[in-house]
PDB file of all heavy atoms in Angstrom:
ATOM      1  N   ASP A   1      -2.788 -34.602  28.120  1.00  0.00           N
ATOM      2  CA  ASP A   1      -1.932 -33.393  28.003  1.00  0.00           C
ATOM      3  C   ASP A   1      -1.069 -33.387  26.776  1.00  0.00           C
ATOM      4  O   ASP A   1      -0.799 -32.329  26.224  1.00  0.00           O
ATOM      5  CB  ASP A   1      -1.074 -33.252  29.303  1.00  0.00           C
ATOM      6  CG  ASP A   1      -1.812 -32.852  30.516  1.00  0.00           C
ATOM      7  OD1 ASP A   1      -2.985 -32.342  30.362  1.00  0.00           O
ATOM      8  OD2 ASP A   1      -1.249 -33.028  31.610  1.00  0.00           O
ATOM      9  N   SER A   2      -0.609 -34.558  26.335  1.00  0.00           N
ATOM     10  CA  SER A   2       0.239 -34.668  25.212  1.00  0.00           C
ATOM     11  C   SER A   2      -0.379 -34.303  23.876  1.00  0.00           C
ATOM     12  O   SER A   2       0.373 -33.976  22.944  1.00  0.00           O
ATOM     13  CB  SER A   2       0.777 -36.088  25.117  1.00  0.00           C
ATOM     14  OG  SER A   2      -0.274 -37.013  24.959  1.00  0.00           O
ATOM     15  N   VAL A   3      -1.708 -34.220  23.813  1.00  0.00           N
ATOM     16  CA  VAL A   3      -2.379 -33.940  22.575  1.00  0.00           C
ATOM     17  C   VAL A   3      -3.235 -32.662  22.639  1.00  0.00           C
ATOM     18  O   VAL A   3      -3.801 -32.270  21.655  1.00  0.00           O
ATOM     19  CB  VAL A   3      -3.215 -35.095  22.083  1.00  0.00           C
ATOM     20  CG1 VAL A   3      -2.443 -36.371  21.957  1.00  0.00           C
ATOM     21  CG2 VAL A   3      -4.466 -35.308  22.945  1.00  0.00           C
ATOM     22  N   LYS A   4      -3.357 -32.034  23.822  1.00  0.00           N
ATOM     23  CA  LYS A   4      -4.179 -30.854  23.952  1.00  0.00           C
ATOM     24  C   LYS A   4      -3.690 -29.731  22.988  1.00  0.00           C
ATOM     25  O   LYS A   4      -2.495 -29.496  22.860  1.00  0.00           O
ATOM     26  CB  LYS A   4      -4.120 -30.318  25.359  1.00  0.00           C
ATOM     27  CG  LYS A   4      -4.981 -31.115  26.411  1.00  0.00           C
ATOM     28  CD  LYS A   4      -4.853 -30.539  27.783  1.00  0.00           C
ATOM     29  CE  LYS A   4      -5.668 -31.392  28.759  1.00  0.00           C
ATOM     30  NZ  LYS A   4      -5.542 -30.926  30.078  1.00  0.00           N
ATOM     31  N   GLY A   5      -4.630 -29.125  22.318  1.00  0.00           N
ATOM     32  CA  GLY A   5      -4.343 -28.105  21.325  1.00  0.00           C
ATOM     33  C   GLY A   5      -4.025 -28.652  19.998  1.00  0.00           C
ATOM     34  O   GLY A   5      -3.919 -27.830  19.044  1.00  0.00           O
ATOM     35  N   ARG A   6      -3.824 -29.906  19.767  1.00  0.00           N
ATOM     36  CA  ARG A   6      -3.540 -30.554  18.522  1.00  0.00           C
ATOM     37  C   ARG A   6      -4.632 -31.493  18.044  1.00  0.00           C
ATOM     38  O   ARG A   6      -4.859 -31.558  16.840  1.00  0.00           O
ATOM     39  CB  ARG A   6      -2.255 -31.297  18.573  1.00  0.00           C
ATOM     40  CG  ARG A   6      -0.984 -30.474  18.947  1.00  0.00           C
ATOM     41  CD  ARG A   6       0.265 -31.267  18.803  1.00  0.00           C
ATOM     42  NE  ARG A   6       0.307 -32.471  19.653  1.00  0.00           N
ATOM     43  CZ  ARG A   6       0.408 -33.672  19.195  1.00  0.00           C
ATOM     44  NH1 ARG A   6       0.453 -33.950  17.915  1.00  0.00           N
ATOM     45  NH2 ARG A   6       0.477 -34.698  20.103  1.00  0.00           N
ATOM     46  N   PHE A   7      -5.283 -32.165  18.946  1.00  0.00           N
ATOM     47  CA  PHE A   7      -6.347 -33.108  18.601  1.00  0.00           C
ATOM     48  C   PHE A   7      -7.674 -32.551  19.025  1.00  0.00           C
ATOM     49  O   PHE A   7      -7.820 -31.845  19.974  1.00  0.00           O
ATOM     50  CB  PHE A   7      -6.158 -34.448  19.348  1.00  0.00           C
ATOM     51  CG  PHE A   7      -4.976 -35.222  18.887  1.00  0.00           C
ATOM     52  CD1 PHE A   7      -3.986 -34.766  18.084  1.00  0.00           C
ATOM     53  CD2 PHE A   7      -4.937 -36.547  19.302  1.00  0.00           C
ATOM     54  CE1 PHE A   7      -2.948 -35.566  17.667  1.00  0.00           C
ATOM     55  CE2 PHE A   7      -3.862 -37.377  18.875  1.00  0.00           C
ATOM     56  CZ  PHE A   7      -2.817 -36.872  18.068  1.00  0.00           C
ATOM     57  N   SER A   8      -8.725 -32.948  18.307  1.00  0.00           N
ATOM     58  CA  SER A   8     -10.095 -32.638  18.690  1.00  0.00           C
ATOM     59  C   SER A   8     -10.943 -33.893  18.469  1.00  0.00           C
ATOM     60  O   SER A   8     -10.634 -34.754  17.670  1.00  0.00           O
ATOM     61  CB  SER A   8     -10.708 -31.452  17.917  1.00  0.00           C
ATOM     62  OG  SER A   8     -10.829 -31.734  16.568  1.00  0.00           O
ATOM     63  N   ILE A   9     -11.990 -33.997  19.253  1.00  0.00           N
ATOM     64  CA  ILE A   9     -12.929 -35.105  19.193  1.00  0.00           C
ATOM     65  C   ILE A   9     -14.355 -34.606  19.023  1.00  0.00           C
ATOM     66  O   ILE A   9     -14.734 -33.607  19.604  1.00  0.00           O
ATOM     67  CB  ILE A   9     -12.791 -36.049  20.431  1.00  0.00           C
ATOM     68  CG1 ILE A   9     -13.543 -37.342  20.251  1.00  0.00           C
ATOM     69  CG2 ILE A   9     -13.147 -35.351  21.694  1.00  0.00           C
ATOM     70  CD1 ILE A   9     -13.293 -38.421  21.266  1.00  0.00           C
ATOM     71  N   SER A  10     -15.088 -35.236  18.171  1.00  0.00           N
ATOM     72  CA  SER A  10     -16.488 -34.852  17.949  1.00  0.00           C
ATOM     73  C   SER A  10     -17.325 -36.066  17.589  1.00  0.00           C
ATOM     74  O   SER A  10     -16.759 -37.161  17.368  1.00  0.00           O
ATOM     75  CB  SER A  10     -16.527 -33.880  16.782  1.00  0.00           C
ATOM     76  OG  SER A  10     -16.076 -34.447  15.565  1.00  0.00           O
ATOM     77  N   ARG A  11     -18.637 -35.905  17.677  1.00  0.00           N
ATOM     78  CA  ARG A  11     -19.505 -37.025  17.368  1.00  0.00           C
ATOM     79  C   ARG A  11     -20.655 -36.634  16.501  1.00  0.00           C
ATOM     80  O   ARG A  11     -21.145 -35.467  16.578  1.00  0.00           O
ATOM     81  CB  ARG A  11     -19.987 -37.704  18.694  1.00  0.00           C
ATOM     82  CG  ARG A  11     -20.898 -36.864  19.525  1.00  0.00           C
ATOM     83  CD  ARG A  11     -21.086 -37.478  20.931  1.00  0.00           C
ATOM     84  NE  ARG A  11     -21.710 -38.827  20.817  1.00  0.00           N
ATOM     85  CZ  ARG A  11     -21.551 -39.791  21.691  1.00  0.00           C
ATOM     86  NH1 ARG A  11     -20.877 -39.576  22.797  1.00  0.00           N
ATOM     87  NH2 ARG A  11     -22.200 -40.942  21.481  1.00  0.00           N
ATOM     88  N   ASP A  12     -21.059 -37.542  15.652  1.00  0.00           N
ATOM     89  CA  ASP A  12     -22.232 -37.358  14.786  1.00  0.00           C
ATOM     90  C   ASP A  12     -23.155 -38.523  15.071  1.00  0.00           C
ATOM     91  O   ASP A  12     -23.023 -39.656  14.551  1.00  0.00           O
ATOM     92  CB  ASP A  12     -21.830 -37.323  13.336  1.00  0.00           C
ATOM     93  CG  ASP A  12     -23.006 -37.128  12.410  1.00  0.00           C
ATOM     94  OD1 ASP A  12     -24.135 -37.219  12.810  1.00  0.00           O
ATOM     95  OD2 ASP A  12     -22.737 -36.770  11.220  1.00  0.00           O
ATOM     96  N   ASN A  13     -24.110 -38.308  16.015  1.00  0.00           N
ATOM     97  CA  ASN A  13     -24.930 -39.344  16.461  1.00  0.00           C
ATOM     98  C   ASN A  13     -25.833 -39.919  15.352  1.00  0.00           C
ATOM     99  O   ASN A  13     -26.269 -41.083  15.425  1.00  0.00           O
ATOM    100  CB  ASN A  13     -25.839 -38.926  17.629  1.00  0.00           C
ATOM    101  CG  ASN A  13     -24.990 -38.767  18.904  1.00  0.00           C
ATOM    102  OD1 ASN A  13     -23.967 -39.382  19.098  1.00  0.00           O
ATOM    103  ND2 ASN A  13     -25.431 -37.815  19.751  1.00  0.00           N
ATOM    104  N   ALA A  14     -26.189 -39.107  14.380  1.00  0.00           N
ATOM    105  CA  ALA A  14     -27.014 -39.580  13.264  1.00  0.00           C
ATOM    106  C   ALA A  14     -26.290 -40.642  12.434  1.00  0.00           C
ATOM    107  O   ALA A  14     -26.881 -41.404  11.742  1.00  0.00           O
ATOM    108  CB  ALA A  14     -27.398 -38.400  12.310  1.00  0.00           C
ATOM    109  N   LYS A  15     -24.954 -40.594  12.471  1.00  0.00           N
ATOM    110  CA  LYS A  15     -24.108 -41.544  11.763  1.00  0.00           C
ATOM    111  C   LYS A  15     -23.501 -42.624  12.648  1.00  0.00           C
ATOM    112  O   LYS A  15     -22.751 -43.459  12.203  1.00  0.00           O
ATOM    113  CB  LYS A  15     -23.015 -40.863  10.965  1.00  0.00           C
ATOM    114  CG  LYS A  15     -23.557 -40.002   9.851  1.00  0.00           C
ATOM    115  CD  LYS A  15     -22.396 -39.393   9.101  1.00  0.00           C
ATOM    116  CE  LYS A  15     -22.892 -38.610   7.894  1.00  0.00           C
ATOM    117  NZ  LYS A  15     -21.785 -37.982   7.121  1.00  0.00           N
ATOM    118  N   ASN A  16     -23.813 -42.570  13.968  1.00  0.00           N
ATOM    119  CA  ASN A  16     -23.210 -43.499  14.948  1.00  0.00           C
ATOM    120  C   ASN A  16     -21.700 -43.469  14.845  1.00  0.00           C
ATOM    121  O   ASN A  16     -21.031 -44.477  14.883  1.00  0.00           O
ATOM    122  CB  ASN A  16     -23.723 -44.934  14.775  1.00  0.00           C
ATOM    123  CG  ASN A  16     -25.019 -45.231  15.509  1.00  0.00           C
ATOM    124  OD1 ASN A  16     -25.802 -44.288  15.786  1.00  0.00           O
ATOM    125  ND2 ASN A  16     -25.223 -46.428  15.776  1.00  0.00           N
ATOM    126  N   THR A  17     -21.130 -42.235  14.735  1.00  0.00           N
ATOM    127  CA  THR A  17     -19.715 -42.129  14.443  1.00  0.00           C
ATOM    128  C   THR A  17     -19.096 -41.036  15.299  1.00  0.00           C
ATOM    129  O   THR A  17     -19.679 -39.982  15.577  1.00  0.00           O
ATOM    130  CB  THR A  17     -19.450 -41.790  13.031  1.00  0.00           C
ATOM    131  OG1 THR A  17     -19.979 -42.855  12.154  1.00  0.00           O
ATOM    132  CG2 THR A  17     -17.978 -41.619  12.698  1.00  0.00           C
ATOM    133  N   VAL A  18     -17.904 -41.325  15.813  1.00  0.00           N
ATOM    134  CA  VAL A  18     -17.056 -40.343  16.516  1.00  0.00           C
ATOM    135  C   VAL A  18     -15.811 -40.136  15.702  1.00  0.00           C
ATOM    136  O   VAL A  18     -15.254 -41.098  15.109  1.00  0.00           O
ATOM    137  CB  VAL A  18     -16.792 -40.805  17.966  1.00  0.00           C
ATOM    138  CG1 VAL A  18     -15.593 -40.035  18.559  1.00  0.00           C
ATOM    139  CG2 VAL A  18     -17.954 -40.614  18.839  1.00  0.00           C
ATOM    140  N   TYR A  19     -15.314 -38.941  15.681  1.00  0.00           N
ATOM    141  CA  TYR A  19     -14.129 -38.577  14.885  1.00  0.00           C
ATOM    142  C   TYR A  19     -13.058 -38.068  15.902  1.00  0.00           C
ATOM    143  O   TYR A  19     -13.291 -37.388  16.856  1.00  0.00           O
ATOM    144  CB  TYR A  19     -14.430 -37.489  13.930  1.00  0.00           C
ATOM    145  CG  TYR A  19     -15.525 -37.800  12.938  1.00  0.00           C
ATOM    146  CD1 TYR A  19     -16.832 -37.374  13.161  1.00  0.00           C
ATOM    147  CD2 TYR A  19     -15.338 -38.632  11.835  1.00  0.00           C
ATOM    148  CE1 TYR A  19     -17.865 -37.686  12.325  1.00  0.00           C
ATOM    149  CE2 TYR A  19     -16.349 -38.958  10.968  1.00  0.00           C
ATOM    150  CZ  TYR A  19     -17.616 -38.464  11.227  1.00  0.00           C
ATOM    151  OH  TYR A  19     -18.611 -38.821  10.369  1.00  0.00           O
ATOM    152  N   LEU A  20     -11.812 -38.360  15.509  1.00  0.00           N
ATOM    153  CA  LEU A  20     -10.651 -37.815  16.154  1.00  0.00           C
ATOM    154  C   LEU A  20      -9.828 -37.119  15.073  1.00  0.00           C
ATOM    155  O   LEU A  20      -9.229 -37.717  14.231  1.00  0.00           O
ATOM    156  CB  LEU A  20      -9.775 -38.891  16.802  1.00  0.00           C
ATOM    157  CG  LEU A  20      -8.591 -38.404  17.644  1.00  0.00           C
ATOM    158  CD1 LEU A  20      -9.050 -37.658  18.855  1.00  0.00           C
ATOM    159  CD2 LEU A  20      -7.642 -39.618  17.985  1.00  0.00           C
ATOM    160  N   GLN A  21      -9.843 -35.756  15.205  1.00  0.00           N
ATOM    161  CA  GLN A  21      -9.097 -34.951  14.245  1.00  0.00           C
ATOM    162  C   GLN A  21      -7.738 -34.685  14.848  1.00  0.00           C
ATOM    163  O   GLN A  21      -7.637 -34.112  15.928  1.00  0.00           O
ATOM    164  CB  GLN A  21      -9.806 -33.619  13.986  1.00  0.00           C
ATOM    165  CG  GLN A  21      -9.071 -32.720  13.050  1.00  0.00           C
ATOM    166  CD  GLN A  21      -9.004 -33.255  11.618  1.00  0.00           C
ATOM    167  OE1 GLN A  21      -9.982 -33.666  11.027  1.00  0.00           O
ATOM    168  NE2 GLN A  21      -7.773 -33.310  11.102  1.00  0.00           N
ATOM    169  N   MET A  22      -6.649 -35.096  14.169  1.00  0.00           N
ATOM    170  CA  MET A  22      -5.287 -34.950  14.616  1.00  0.00           C
ATOM    171  C   MET A  22      -4.562 -34.072  13.777  1.00  0.00           C
ATOM    172  O   MET A  22      -4.532 -34.216  12.512  1.00  0.00           O
ATOM    173  CB  MET A  22      -4.616 -36.315  14.678  1.00  0.00           C
ATOM    174  CG  MET A  22      -5.391 -37.437  15.444  1.00  0.00           C
ATOM    175  SD  MET A  22      -4.513 -38.997  15.551  1.00  0.00           S
ATOM    176  CE  MET A  22      -4.489 -39.417  13.765  1.00  0.00           C
ATOM    177  N   SER A  23      -3.851 -33.094  14.321  1.00  0.00           N
ATOM    178  CA  SER A  23      -3.023 -32.141  13.587  1.00  0.00           C
ATOM    179  C   SER A  23      -1.657 -31.994  14.267  1.00  0.00           C
ATOM    180  O   SER A  23      -1.436 -32.427  15.334  1.00  0.00           O
ATOM    181  CB  SER A  23      -3.728 -30.793  13.399  1.00  0.00           C
ATOM    182  OG  SER A  23      -3.929 -30.181  14.675  1.00  0.00           O
ATOM    183  N   SER A  24      -0.713 -31.316  13.532  1.00  0.00           N
ATOM    184  CA  SER A  24       0.611 -31.091  14.026  1.00  0.00           C
ATOM    185  C   SER A  24       1.189 -32.392  14.591  1.00  0.00           C
ATOM    186  O   SER A  24       1.836 -32.426  15.619  1.00  0.00           O
ATOM    187  CB  SER A  24       0.622 -30.018  15.138  1.00  0.00           C
ATOM    188  OG  SER A  24       0.129 -28.791  14.609  1.00  0.00           O
ATOM    189  N   LEU A  25       1.096 -33.459  13.772  1.00  0.00           N
ATOM    190  CA  LEU A  25       1.503 -34.743  14.245  1.00  0.00           C
ATOM    191  C   LEU A  25       3.022 -34.846  14.259  1.00  0.00           C
ATOM    192  O   LEU A  25       3.769 -34.275  13.470  1.00  0.00           O
ATOM    193  CB  LEU A  25       0.955 -35.799  13.309  1.00  0.00           C
ATOM    194  CG  LEU A  25      -0.526 -36.063  13.469  1.00  0.00           C
ATOM    195  CD1 LEU A  25      -1.089 -36.827  12.261  1.00  0.00           C
ATOM    196  CD2 LEU A  25      -0.847 -36.829  14.695  1.00  0.00           C
ATOM    197  N   THR A  26       3.479 -35.598  15.303  1.00  0.00           N
ATOM    198  CA  THR A  26       4.907 -35.912  15.483  1.00  0.00           C
ATOM    199  C   THR A  26       5.087 -37.424  15.550  1.00  0.00           C
ATOM    200  O   THR A  26       4.145 -38.166  15.643  1.00  0.00           O
ATOM    201  CB  THR A  26       5.501 -35.225  16.729  1.00  0.00           C
ATOM    202  OG1 THR A  26       5.078 -36.011  17.887  1.00  0.00           O
ATOM    203  CG2 THR A  26       4.998 -33.816  16.900  1.00  0.00           C
ATOM    204  N   ALA A  27       6.359 -37.812  15.562  1.00  0.00           N
ATOM    205  CA  ALA A  27       6.695 -39.242  15.639  1.00  0.00           C
ATOM    206  C   ALA A  27       6.123 -39.843  16.916  1.00  0.00           C
ATOM    207  O   ALA A  27       5.889 -41.066  16.993  1.00  0.00           O
ATOM    208  CB  ALA A  27       8.180 -39.467  15.543  1.00  0.00           C
TER     209      ALA A  27
END
């Protein structure tokens, strides 16, 4: 709940990689 609307997660299976995109970051 603390990150909903600010973070997104995605995966690129061809690269064996998952990404966490973080925005509107706070302390």
